[in-house]
Amino acid sequence: MLHKCEHVLQSDDLQLGFKKNSSCSHALFVLTATIEHFITHGSYAYMASLDATKAFDRVHHVKLFQKLIY
């Protein structure tokens, strides 16, 4: 799917998920290094997270795939 669509997909360089040569390990490293940097320099680090596990449970998958293909 990525091979067919990568020429039209754009993402920010700060996005780590769902990209070639990137993984959850990269995201965890960046998060850990950022928190460590702020704490080392006497500041606070705040974080928000979103659990999108069930975000697509009610999606009509056939229609979604048709939209992605065309």
PDB file of N, CA and C in Angstrom:
ATOM      1  N   MET A   1       0.830  -1.180   0.000  1.00  0.00           N
ATOM      2  CA  MET A   1       0.000   0.000   0.000  1.00  0.00           C
ATOM      3  C   MET A   1       0.881   1.252   0.000  1.00  0.00           C
ATOM      4  N   LEU A   2       1.898   1.268   0.864  1.00  0.00           N
ATOM      5  CA  LEU A   2       2.801   2.418   0.923  1.00  0.00           C
ATOM      6  C   LEU A   2       3.489   2.641  -0.412  1.00  0.00           C
ATOM      7  N   HIS A   3       3.901   1.564  -1.044  1.00  0.00           N
ATOM      8  CA  HIS A   3       4.581   1.667  -2.334  1.00  0.00           C
ATOM      9  C   HIS A   3       3.693   2.346  -3.380  1.00  0.00           C
ATOM     10  N   LYS A   4       2.385   2.050  -3.356  1.00  0.00           N
ATOM     11  CA  LYS A   4       1.462   2.635  -4.328  1.00  0.00           C
ATOM     12  C   LYS A   4       1.163   4.099  -4.031  1.00  0.00           C
ATOM     13  N   CYS A   5       1.184   4.479  -2.761  1.00  0.00           N
ATOM     14  CA  CYS A   5       0.711   5.811  -2.377  1.00  0.00           C
ATOM     15  C   CYS A   5       1.796   6.773  -1.914  1.00  0.00           C
ATOM     16  N   GLU A   6       3.027   6.306  -1.753  1.00  0.00           N
ATOM     17  CA  GLU A   6       4.036   7.159  -1.127  1.00  0.00           C
ATOM     18  C   GLU A   6       4.323   8.442  -1.898  1.00  0.00           C
ATOM     19  N   HIS A   7       4.079   8.466  -3.202  1.00  0.00           N
ATOM     20  CA  HIS A   7       4.334   9.676  -3.986  1.00  0.00           C
ATOM     21  C   HIS A   7       3.331  10.796  -3.691  1.00  0.00           C
ATOM     22  N   VAL A   8       2.166  10.469  -3.114  1.00  0.00           N
ATOM     23  CA  VAL A   8       1.175  11.491  -2.798  1.00  0.00           C
ATOM     24  C   VAL A   8       1.055  11.761  -1.302  1.00  0.00           C
ATOM     25  N   LEU A   9       1.688  10.947  -0.495  1.00  0.00           N
ATOM     26  CA  LEU A   9       1.612  11.124   0.954  1.00  0.00           C
ATOM     27  C   LEU A   9       2.713  12.053   1.437  1.00  0.00           C
ATOM     28  N   GLN A  10       2.348  12.963   2.307  1.00  0.00           N
ATOM     29  CA  GLN A  10       3.321  13.865   2.898  1.00  0.00           C
ATOM     30  C   GLN A  10       3.158  13.803   4.405  1.00  0.00           C
ATOM     31  N   SER A  11       4.256  13.875   5.112  1.00  0.00           N
ATOM     32  CA  SER A  11       4.190  13.922   6.565  1.00  0.00           C
ATOM     33  C   SER A  11       5.312  14.796   7.086  1.00  0.00           C
ATOM     34  N   ASP A  12       5.143  15.224   8.290  1.00  0.00           N
ATOM     35  CA  ASP A  12       6.136  16.072   8.940  1.00  0.00           C
ATOM     36  C   ASP A  12       7.353  15.239   9.316  1.00  0.00           C
ATOM     37  N   ASP A  13       8.523  15.853   9.295  1.00  0.00           N
ATOM     38  CA  ASP A  13       9.743  15.144   9.683  1.00  0.00           C
ATOM     39  C   ASP A  13       9.712  14.715  11.148  1.00  0.00           C
ATOM     40  N   LEU A  14       8.860  15.362  11.951  1.00  0.00           N
ATOM     41  CA  LEU A  14       8.762  15.001  13.365  1.00  0.00           C
ATOM     42  C   LEU A  14       7.854  13.796  13.600  1.00  0.00           C
ATOM     43  N   GLN A  15       7.123  13.369  12.584  1.00  0.00           N
ATOM     44  CA  GLN A  15       6.291  12.183  12.725  1.00  0.00           C
ATOM     45  C   GLN A  15       7.179  10.951  12.690  1.00  0.00           C
ATOM     46  N   LEU A  16       6.975  10.048  13.644  1.00  0.00           N
ATOM     47  CA  LEU A  16       7.819   8.858  13.711  1.00  0.00           C
ATOM     48  C   LEU A  16       7.059   7.588  13.325  1.00  0.00           C
ATOM     49  N   GLY A  17       5.783   7.540  13.552  1.00  0.00           N
ATOM     50  CA  GLY A  17       5.023   6.338  13.252  1.00  0.00           C
ATOM     51  C   GLY A  17       4.595   6.253  11.805  1.00  0.00           C
ATOM     52  N   PHE A  18       4.424   5.057  11.313  1.00  0.00           N
ATOM     53  CA  PHE A  18       3.928   4.779   9.970  1.00  0.00           C
ATOM     54  C   PHE A  18       4.797   5.409   8.880  1.00  0.00           C
ATOM     55  N   LYS A  19       6.101   5.376   9.097  1.00  0.00           N
ATOM     56  CA  LYS A  19       7.037   5.909   8.109  1.00  0.00           C
ATOM     57  C   LYS A  19       8.148   4.899   7.887  1.00  0.00           C
ATOM     58  N   LYS A  20       8.705   4.951   6.695  1.00  0.00           N
ATOM     59  CA  LYS A  20       9.827   4.089   6.348  1.00  0.00           C
ATOM     60  C   LYS A  20      11.025   4.447   7.238  1.00  0.00           C
ATOM     61  N   ASN A  21      11.761   3.442   7.696  1.00  0.00           N
ATOM     62  CA  ASN A  21      12.946   3.610   8.539  1.00  0.00           C
ATOM     63  C   ASN A  21      12.648   4.286   9.873  1.00  0.00           C
ATOM     64  N   SER A  22      11.472   4.073  10.403  1.00  0.00           N
ATOM     65  CA  SER A  22      11.103   4.639  11.693  1.00  0.00           C
ATOM     66  C   SER A  22      10.291   3.596  12.455  1.00  0.00           C
ATOM     67  N   SER A  23      10.327   3.682  13.780  1.00  0.00           N
ATOM     68  CA  SER A  23       9.603   2.684  14.554  1.00  0.00           C
ATOM     69  C   SER A  23       9.233   3.237  15.915  1.00  0.00           C
ATOM     70  N   CYS A  24       8.572   2.417  16.688  1.00  0.00           N
ATOM     71  CA  CYS A  24       8.211   2.769  18.053  1.00  0.00           C
ATOM     72  C   CYS A  24       9.469   3.005  18.890  1.00  0.00           C
ATOM     73  N   SER A  25      10.520   2.260  18.617  1.00  0.00           N
ATOM     74  CA  SER A  25      11.780   2.431  19.340  1.00  0.00           C
ATOM     75  C   SER A  25      12.344   3.831  19.140  1.00  0.00           C
ATOM     76  N   HIS A  26      12.233   4.364  17.930  1.00  0.00           N
ATOM     77  CA  HIS A  26      12.692   5.726  17.665  1.00  0.00           C
ATOM     78  C   HIS A  26      11.891   6.733  18.481  1.00  0.00           C
ATOM     79  N   ALA A  27      10.583   6.551  18.523  1.00  0.00           N
ATOM     80  CA  ALA A  27       9.718   7.464  19.268  1.00  0.00           C
ATOM     81  C   ALA A  27      10.049   7.418  20.757  1.00  0.00           C
ATOM     82  N   LEU A  28      10.260   6.225  21.298  1.00  0.00           N
ATOM     83  CA  LEU A  28      10.603   6.095  22.714  1.00  0.00           C
ATOM     84  C   LEU A  28      11.950   6.728  23.027  1.00  0.00           C
ATOM     85  N   PHE A  29      12.906   6.583  22.125  1.00  0.00           N
ATOM     86  CA  PHE A  29      14.213   7.200  22.326  1.00  0.00           C
ATOM     87  C   PHE A  29      14.089   8.726  22.357  1.00  0.00           C
ATOM     88  N   VAL A  30      13.349   9.294  21.408  1.00  0.00           N
ATOM     89  CA  VAL A  30      13.176  10.744  21.352  1.00  0.00           C
ATOM     90  C   VAL A  30      12.474  11.241  22.616  1.00  0.00           C
ATOM     91  N   LEU A  31      11.439  10.539  23.041  1.00  0.00           N
ATOM     92  CA  LEU A  31      10.707  10.921  24.249  1.00  0.00           C
ATOM     93  C   LEU A  31      11.621  10.885  25.470  1.00  0.00           C
ATOM     94  N   THR A  32      12.343   9.795  25.637  1.00  0.00           N
ATOM     95  CA  THR A  32      13.240   9.647  26.780  1.00  0.00           C
ATOM     96  C   THR A  32      14.339  10.703  26.779  1.00  0.00           C
ATOM     97  N   ALA A  33      14.943  10.942  25.631  1.00  0.00           N
ATOM     98  CA  ALA A  33      16.010  11.941  25.527  1.00  0.00           C
ATOM     99  C   ALA A  33      15.480  13.346  25.815  1.00  0.00           C
ATOM    100  N   THR A  34      14.280  13.649  25.363  1.00  0.00           N
ATOM    101  CA  THR A  34      13.687  14.967  25.597  1.00  0.00           C
ATOM    102  C   THR A  34      13.405  15.185  27.083  1.00  0.00           C
ATOM    103  N   ILE A  35      12.796  14.200  27.710  1.00  0.00           N
ATOM    104  CA  ILE A  35      12.507  14.300  29.146  1.00  0.00           C
ATOM    105  C   ILE A  35      13.802  14.431  29.939  1.00  0.00           C
ATOM    106  N   GLU A  36      14.785  13.624  29.616  1.00  0.00           N
ATOM    107  CA  GLU A  36      16.077  13.676  30.297  1.00  0.00           C
ATOM    108  C   GLU A  36      16.726  15.057  30.143  1.00  0.00           C
ATOM    109  N   HIS A  37      16.664  15.639  28.951  1.00  0.00           N
ATOM    110  CA  HIS A  37      17.232  16.958  28.702  1.00  0.00           C
ATOM    111  C   HIS A  37      16.591  18.019  29.603  1.00  0.00           C
ATOM    112  N   PHE A  38      15.259  18.048  29.648  1.00  0.00           N
ATOM    113  CA  PHE A  38      14.579  19.064  30.449  1.00  0.00           C
ATOM    114  C   PHE A  38      14.834  18.878  31.938  1.00  0.00           C
ATOM    115  N   ILE A  39      14.801  17.643  32.411  1.00  0.00           N
ATOM    116  CA  ILE A  39      15.039  17.385  33.831  1.00  0.00           C
ATOM    117  C   ILE A  39      16.472  17.738  34.208  1.00  0.00           C
ATOM    118  N   THR A  40      17.428  17.393  33.367  1.00  0.00           N
ATOM    119  CA  THR A  40      18.839  17.703  33.618  1.00  0.00           C
ATOM    120  C   THR A  40      19.067  19.209  33.719  1.00  0.00           C
ATOM    121  N   HIS A  41      18.302  19.966  32.943  1.00  0.00           N
ATOM    122  CA  HIS A  41      18.459  21.423  32.943  1.00  0.00           C
ATOM    123  C   HIS A  41      17.503  22.123  33.910  1.00  0.00           C
ATOM    124  N   GLY A  42      16.949  21.379  34.859  1.00  0.00           N
ATOM    125  CA  GLY A  42      16.132  21.960  35.920  1.00  0.00           C
ATOM    126  C   GLY A  42      14.766  22.447  35.504  1.00  0.00           C
ATOM    127  N   SER A  43      14.226  21.876  34.457  1.00  0.00           N
ATOM    128  CA  SER A  43      12.915  22.290  33.984  1.00  0.00           C
ATOM    129  C   SER A  43      11.934  21.128  34.105  1.00  0.00           C
ATOM    130  N   TYR A  44      10.710  21.387  33.750  1.00  0.00           N
ATOM    131  CA  TYR A  44       9.683  20.356  33.774  1.00  0.00           C
ATOM    132  C   TYR A  44       9.418  19.844  32.362  1.00  0.00           C
ATOM    133  N   ALA A  45       8.924  18.646  32.275  1.00  0.00           N
ATOM    134  CA  ALA A  45       8.526  18.079  30.991  1.00  0.00           C
ATOM    135  C   ALA A  45       7.081  17.606  31.116  1.00  0.00           C
ATOM    136  N   TYR A  46       6.232  18.068  30.218  1.00  0.00           N
ATOM    137  CA  TYR A  46       4.826  17.680  30.206  1.00  0.00           C
ATOM    138  C   TYR A  46       4.557  16.866  28.952  1.00  0.00           C
ATOM    139  N   MET A  47       3.663  15.906  29.073  1.00  0.00           N
ATOM    140  CA  MET A  47       3.377  15.044  27.940  1.00  0.00           C
ATOM    141  C   MET A  47       1.884  14.739  27.893  1.00  0.00           C
ATOM    142  N   ALA A  48       1.358  14.659  26.699  1.00  0.00           N
ATOM    143  CA  ALA A  48      -0.012  14.209  26.479  1.00  0.00           C
ATOM    144  C   ALA A  48       0.047  13.052  25.508  1.00  0.00           C
ATOM    145  N   SER A  49      -0.821  12.091  25.691  1.00  0.00           N
ATOM    146  CA  SER A  49      -0.831  10.962  24.765  1.00  0.00           C
ATOM    147  C   SER A  49      -2.265  10.640  24.373  1.00  0.00           C
ATOM    148  N   LEU A  50      -2.404  10.003  23.239  1.00  0.00           N
ATOM    149  CA  LEU A  50      -3.717   9.644  22.713  1.00  0.00           C
ATOM    150  C   LEU A  50      -3.724   8.163  22.395  1.00  0.00           C
ATOM    151  N   ASP A  51      -4.666   7.451  22.957  1.00  0.00           N
ATOM    152  CA  ASP A  51      -4.814   6.029  22.668  1.00  0.00           C
ATOM    153  C   ASP A  51      -5.867   5.886  21.573  1.00  0.00           C
ATOM    154  N   ALA A  52      -5.415   5.599  20.366  1.00  0.00           N
ATOM    155  CA  ALA A  52      -6.321   5.471  19.226  1.00  0.00           C
ATOM    156  C   ALA A  52      -6.551   4.010  18.853  1.00  0.00           C
ATOM    157  N   THR A  53      -6.444   3.131  19.826  1.00  0.00           N
ATOM    158  CA  THR A  53      -6.560   1.694  19.589  1.00  0.00           C
ATOM    159  C   THR A  53      -7.857   1.325  18.892  1.00  0.00           C
ATOM    160  N   LYS A  54      -8.963   1.881  19.318  1.00  0.00           N
ATOM    161  CA  LYS A  54     -10.260   1.514  18.747  1.00  0.00           C
ATOM    162  C   LYS A  54     -10.799   2.595  17.815  1.00  0.00           C
ATOM    163  N   ALA A  55      -9.920   3.416  17.291  1.00  0.00           N
ATOM    164  CA  ALA A  55     -10.343   4.545  16.461  1.00  0.00           C
ATOM    165  C   ALA A  55     -11.039   4.103  15.176  1.00  0.00           C
ATOM    166  N   PHE A  56     -10.719   2.944  14.656  1.00  0.00           N
ATOM    167  CA  PHE A  56     -11.271   2.518  13.375  1.00  0.00           C
ATOM    168  C   PHE A  56     -12.190   1.307  13.493  1.00  0.00           C
ATOM    169  N   ASP A  57     -12.733   1.063  14.673  1.00  0.00           N
ATOM    170  CA  ASP A  57     -13.617  -0.084  14.861  1.00  0.00           C
ATOM    171  C   ASP A  57     -14.921   0.027  14.076  1.00  0.00           C
ATOM    172  N   ARG A  58     -15.401   1.228  13.867  1.00  0.00           N
ATOM    173  CA  ARG A  58     -16.687   1.404  13.198  1.00  0.00           C
ATOM    174  C   ARG A  58     -16.551   1.886  11.758  1.00  0.00           C
ATOM    175  N   VAL A  59     -15.392   1.764  11.201  1.00  0.00           N
ATOM    176  CA  VAL A  59     -15.154   2.177   9.828  1.00  0.00           C
ATOM    177  C   VAL A  59     -15.603   1.084   8.875  1.00  0.00           C
ATOM    178  N   HIS A  60     -16.251   1.467   7.792  1.00  0.00           N
ATOM    179  CA  HIS A  60     -16.616   0.512   6.744  1.00  0.00           C
ATOM    180  C   HIS A  60     -15.344   0.264   5.935  1.00  0.00           C
ATOM    181  N   HIS A  61     -14.659  -0.837   6.224  1.00  0.00           N
ATOM    182  CA  HIS A  61     -13.328  -1.087   5.682  1.00  0.00           C
ATOM    183  C   HIS A  61     -13.295  -1.225   4.164  1.00  0.00           C
ATOM    184  N   VAL A  62     -14.330  -1.765   3.569  1.00  0.00           N
ATOM    185  CA  VAL A  62     -14.373  -1.906   2.113  1.00  0.00           C
ATOM    186  C   VAL A  62     -14.366  -0.515   1.469  1.00  0.00           C
ATOM    187  N   LYS A  63     -15.192   0.394   1.987  1.00  0.00           N
ATOM    188  CA  LYS A  63     -15.232   1.756   1.449  1.00  0.00           C
ATOM    189  C   LYS A  63     -13.918   2.477   1.697  1.00  0.00           C
ATOM    190  N   LEU A  64     -13.317   2.262   2.859  1.00  0.00           N
ATOM    191  CA  LEU A  64     -12.027   2.885   3.158  1.00  0.00           C
ATOM    192  C   LEU A  64     -10.969   2.436   2.159  1.00  0.00           C
ATOM    193  N   PHE A  65     -10.888   1.139   1.905  1.00  0.00           N
ATOM    194  CA  PHE A  65      -9.915   0.622   0.946  1.00  0.00           C
ATOM    195  C   PHE A  65     -10.195   1.138  -0.462  1.00  0.00           C
ATOM    196  N   GLN A  66     -11.456   1.256  -0.850  1.00  0.00           N
ATOM    197  CA  GLN A  66     -11.798   1.797  -2.161  1.00  0.00           C
ATOM    198  C   GLN A  66     -11.320   3.236  -2.288  1.00  0.00           C
ATOM    199  N   LYS A  67     -11.497   4.031  -1.249  1.00  0.00           N
ATOM    200  CA  LYS A  67     -11.031   5.419  -1.258  1.00  0.00           C
ATOM    201  C   LYS A  67      -9.511   5.493  -1.351  1.00  0.00           C
ATOM    202  N   LEU A  68      -8.828   4.587  -0.655  1.00  0.00           N
ATOM    203  CA  LEU A  68      -7.371   4.575  -0.676  1.00  0.00           C
ATOM    204  C   LEU A  68      -6.814   4.142  -2.032  1.00  0.00           C
ATOM    205  N   ILE A  69      -7.517   3.258  -2.694  1.00  0.00           N
ATOM    206  CA  ILE A  69      -7.053   2.755  -3.979  1.00  0.00           C
ATOM    207  C   ILE A  69      -7.252   3.793  -5.082  1.00  0.00           C
ATOM    208  N   TYR A  70      -8.360   4.535  -5.055  1.00  0.00           N
ATOM    209  CA  TYR A  70      -8.665   5.482  -6.140  1.00  0.00           C
ATOM    210  C   TYR A  70      -8.237   6.861  -5.809  1.00  0.00           C
TER     211      TYR A  70
END
